[in-house]
Protein backbone atom coordinates (compact mmCIF):
# COMPACT_ATOMS: atom_id res chain seq x y z
CA MET A 1 0.03 -0.25 0.00
CA SER A 2 0.93 3.66 0.02
CA GLY A 3 3.81 4.69 2.12
CA HIS A 4 1.72 4.95 5.30
CA HIS A 5 2.63 2.59 8.58
CA ARG A 6 0.22 0.03 9.74
CA LYS A 7 -2.15 1.63 12.53
CA LYS A 8 -4.65 -0.28 14.75
CA LEU A 9 -8.45 0.62 15.70
CA MET A 10 -10.02 -0.95 18.00
CA LEU A 11 -14.07 -0.67 18.42
CA LEU A 12 -15.28 -1.41 22.08
CA ARG A 13 -19.06 -2.00 22.68
CA HIS A 14 -19.86 -0.24 26.39
CA ALA A 15 -19.59 -2.98 29.01
CA LYS A 16 -23.61 -4.11 30.19
CA ALA A 17 -25.83 -1.62 31.17
CA ASP A 18 -28.40 -0.93 33.99
CA TRP A 19 -31.65 0.95 33.54
CA PRO A 20 -32.60 2.22 37.21
CA ARG A 21 -35.49 3.38 37.77
CA GLU A 22 -34.30 6.58 39.28
CA VAL A 23 -32.46 7.33 35.57
CA THR A 24 -34.84 8.98 33.50
CA SER A 25 -32.71 9.39 30.00
CA ASP A 26 -30.55 6.94 28.25
CA HIS A 27 -27.66 8.82 28.26
CA GLU A 28 -27.38 8.25 31.46
CA ARG A 29 -27.82 4.58 32.18
CA PRO A 30 -24.85 3.44 34.63
CA LEU A 31 -23.13 -0.03 34.12
CA SER A 32 -24.82 -3.14 36.11
CA GLY A 33 -22.95 -5.35 38.34
CA ARG A 34 -21.91 -7.51 35.35
CA GLY A 35 -20.67 -4.34 33.67
CA HIS A 36 -18.82 -3.15 35.84
CA ARG A 37 -17.15 -7.15 36.16
CA ASP A 38 -16.82 -6.93 32.70
CA ALA A 39 -15.32 -3.52 31.64
CA PRO A 40 -12.15 -4.38 32.96
CA GLN A 41 -11.52 -7.31 30.62
CA ALA A 42 -11.09 -5.25 27.75
CA GLY A 43 -8.16 -3.63 29.30
CA ILE A 44 -6.48 -6.46 30.34
CA TRP A 45 -6.46 -7.80 26.74
CA MET A 46 -5.31 -4.90 25.40
CA ARG A 47 -2.38 -4.62 27.87
CA GLU A 48 -1.63 -8.53 27.57
CA ASN A 49 -1.91 -7.93 23.64
CA ASP A 50 0.68 -5.39 23.50
CA ALA A 51 -2.63 -3.12 22.03
CA VAL A 52 -2.49 -0.05 24.27
CA PRO A 53 -4.29 2.60 22.37
CA ASP A 54 -2.26 5.97 22.13
CA PHE A 55 -5.95 7.93 21.47
CA ILE A 56 -9.17 7.25 23.25
CA LEU A 57 -12.71 8.63 21.31
CA CYS A 58 -15.77 7.79 23.90
CA SER A 59 -19.39 8.23 23.85
CA SER A 60 -20.31 10.78 25.89
CA ALA A 61 -23.03 8.72 27.43
CA LEU A 62 -22.03 7.26 31.22
CA ARG A 63 -21.82 3.57 30.63
CA THR A 64 -19.35 4.23 27.63
CA ARG A 65 -17.33 6.60 30.05
CA GLN A 66 -17.86 3.93 32.90
CA THR A 67 -16.47 1.23 30.24
CA CYS A 68 -13.64 3.62 29.56
CA THR A 69 -12.59 4.23 33.20
CA TRP A 70 -12.12 0.80 33.80
CA VAL A 71 -10.17 0.00 30.49
CA CYS A 72 -8.11 2.71 31.59
CA ASP A 73 -7.48 1.66 35.29
CA GLU A 74 -6.27 -1.78 33.38
CA LEU A 75 -3.83 -0.09 30.82
CA GLY A 76 -2.37 1.77 34.23
CA GLU A 77 0.47 4.47 33.34
CA LYS A 78 -0.10 3.60 29.98
CA ALA A 79 -3.64 4.88 29.33
CA PRO A 80 -4.14 8.05 26.96
CA THR A 81 -6.42 10.60 28.35
CA ALA A 82 -9.81 9.74 26.89
CA LYS A 83 -11.64 12.33 24.71
CA LEU A 84 -15.23 12.63 25.12
CA GLU A 85 -17.09 12.82 21.91
CA ASP A 86 -21.05 13.93 22.01
CA ARG A 87 -21.30 12.84 18.14
CA LEU A 88 -20.58 8.88 19.04
CA TYR A 89 -23.38 8.77 21.38
CA ASP A 90 -26.25 6.77 19.56
CA ALA A 91 -24.39 6.96 16.02
CA SER A 92 -24.83 5.41 13.14
CA ALA A 93 -21.93 3.68 11.35
CA PRO A 94 -21.46 6.41 9.40
CA GLY A 95 -21.52 8.99 12.12
CA ILE A 96 -18.85 7.03 14.20
CA LEU A 97 -16.78 7.03 10.77
CA SER A 98 -17.15 10.27 10.12
CA VAL A 99 -15.42 10.95 13.85
CA ILE A 100 -12.24 8.77 13.11
CA ASN A 101 -11.95 10.46 9.88
CA HIS A 102 -10.95 13.32 12.28
CA VAL A 103 -8.65 11.58 13.90
CA PRO A 104 -4.64 13.09 13.47
CA GLU A 105 -2.82 10.93 11.36
CA THR A 106 -0.10 10.92 14.69
CA VAL A 107 -2.46 9.03 16.32
CA THR A 108 -1.23 5.02 15.36
CA SER A 109 -3.44 3.25 17.85
CA LEU A 110 -6.73 4.30 18.38
CA LEU A 111 -9.75 2.93 20.71
CA VAL A 112 -13.53 4.10 20.10
CA ILE A 113 -15.98 3.14 22.98
CA ALA A 114 -19.57 3.34 21.29
CA HIS A 115 -22.90 1.51 21.42
CA MET A 116 -24.81 -0.74 19.81
CA PRO A 117 -26.13 -0.86 16.20
CA GLY A 118 -23.23 1.53 15.30
CA VAL A 119 -19.88 -0.08 16.02
CA GLN A 120 -21.20 -3.43 14.96
CA GLU A 121 -22.37 -1.95 11.63
CA VAL A 122 -19.03 -0.09 11.32
CA ALA A 123 -16.39 -2.85 11.93
CA MET A 124 -19.07 -4.78 9.52
CA ARG A 125 -18.22 -1.95 6.98
CA LEU A 126 -14.56 -1.38 7.58
CA ALA A 127 -13.65 -5.34 7.39
CA SER A 128 -11.45 -6.24 4.11
CA VAL A 129 -11.21 -9.79 2.50
CA THR A 130 -8.05 -10.38 4.01
CA SER A 131 -10.00 -10.25 7.77
CA ASP A 132 -9.65 -12.99 9.94
CA GLU A 133 -12.81 -14.98 8.84
CA ASP A 134 -14.01 -16.56 12.32
CA ALA A 135 -13.67 -13.30 13.81
CA VAL A 136 -15.65 -11.79 11.16
CA MET A 137 -18.53 -14.17 11.25
CA GLU A 138 -18.59 -14.35 15.22
CA MET A 139 -18.75 -10.35 15.02
CA ALA A 140 -21.42 -10.56 12.26
CA THR A 141 -24.04 -12.86 14.18
CA HIS A 142 -23.16 -11.88 17.91
CA TYR A 143 -21.71 -8.58 19.26
CA PRO A 144 -22.08 -8.39 22.87
CA THR A 145 -21.83 -6.23 25.51
CA SER A 146 -17.42 -5.42 26.09
CA GLY A 147 -17.06 -7.10 22.84
CA LEU A 148 -14.09 -5.58 21.35
CA THR A 149 -12.86 -5.56 17.35
CA VAL A 150 -9.83 -5.28 16.69
CA MET A 151 -8.17 -3.86 13.25
CA GLU A 152 -4.93 -3.20 11.26
CA VAL A 153 -5.24 -0.08 8.95
CA GLU A 154 -2.93 0.95 6.17
CA VAL A 155 -4.91 4.40 5.21
CA PRO A 156 -5.08 7.43 6.38
CA TRP A 157 -7.88 8.10 9.12
CA ALA A 158 -9.23 10.79 6.87
CA GLU A 159 -9.90 7.92 4.11
CA LEU A 160 -11.21 5.15 6.26
CA ASP A 161 -14.56 4.11 4.63
CA GLY A 162 -15.16 0.64 3.76
CA ARG A 163 -13.28 -2.88 3.09
CA ASP A 164 -10.42 -1.06 4.56
CA ALA A 165 -9.38 -2.60 7.79
CA ARG A 166 -8.43 -6.11 8.51
CA ILE A 167 -9.81 -7.51 11.18
CA THR A 168 -7.19 -9.43 13.20
CA ASP A 169 -9.65 -10.34 16.46
CA PHE A 170 -12.73 -10.00 17.97
CA VAL A 171 -12.67 -10.47 21.70
CA VAL A 172 -15.68 -10.72 24.07
CA PRO A 173 -14.22 -10.31 27.59
CA ARG A 174 -16.16 -11.68 30.71
CA GLY A 175 -15.27 -10.73 34.23
């Protein structure tokens, strides 16, 4: 491909959320007990698989922010400061892609924490023909909470559109 370096894109669906009676807006839904147990697993996987992001974009919803906090706790001092992004809340695949397209080229490893169905749709849209077939099949049929898609990208973030990311892993962490 062109002289661009290989980058890593990780798409994480937030951990399991709750809907307590006192919460009136979807945006303010917190993680459930299971969500608090599962969320750190993504960070553990990243740390153990040399996949620590150098930039994190996180939906502004409470459940994604809490998921991000757990992930960053596991990454420790290597964790970058996350950028909260209102446009990732309830975003469609084109919406998520638009946010990713504005990431600076200095970022070589990006983690995006968002919601269904957007994360699954954008992962499917980006999956190249050289992707790991088992990972793509699993992700296509079932994208549970805390599901993490890991991809290699060789085009500039601004050009990322469709079929240009190689899916290497689909991780379903359980705490």
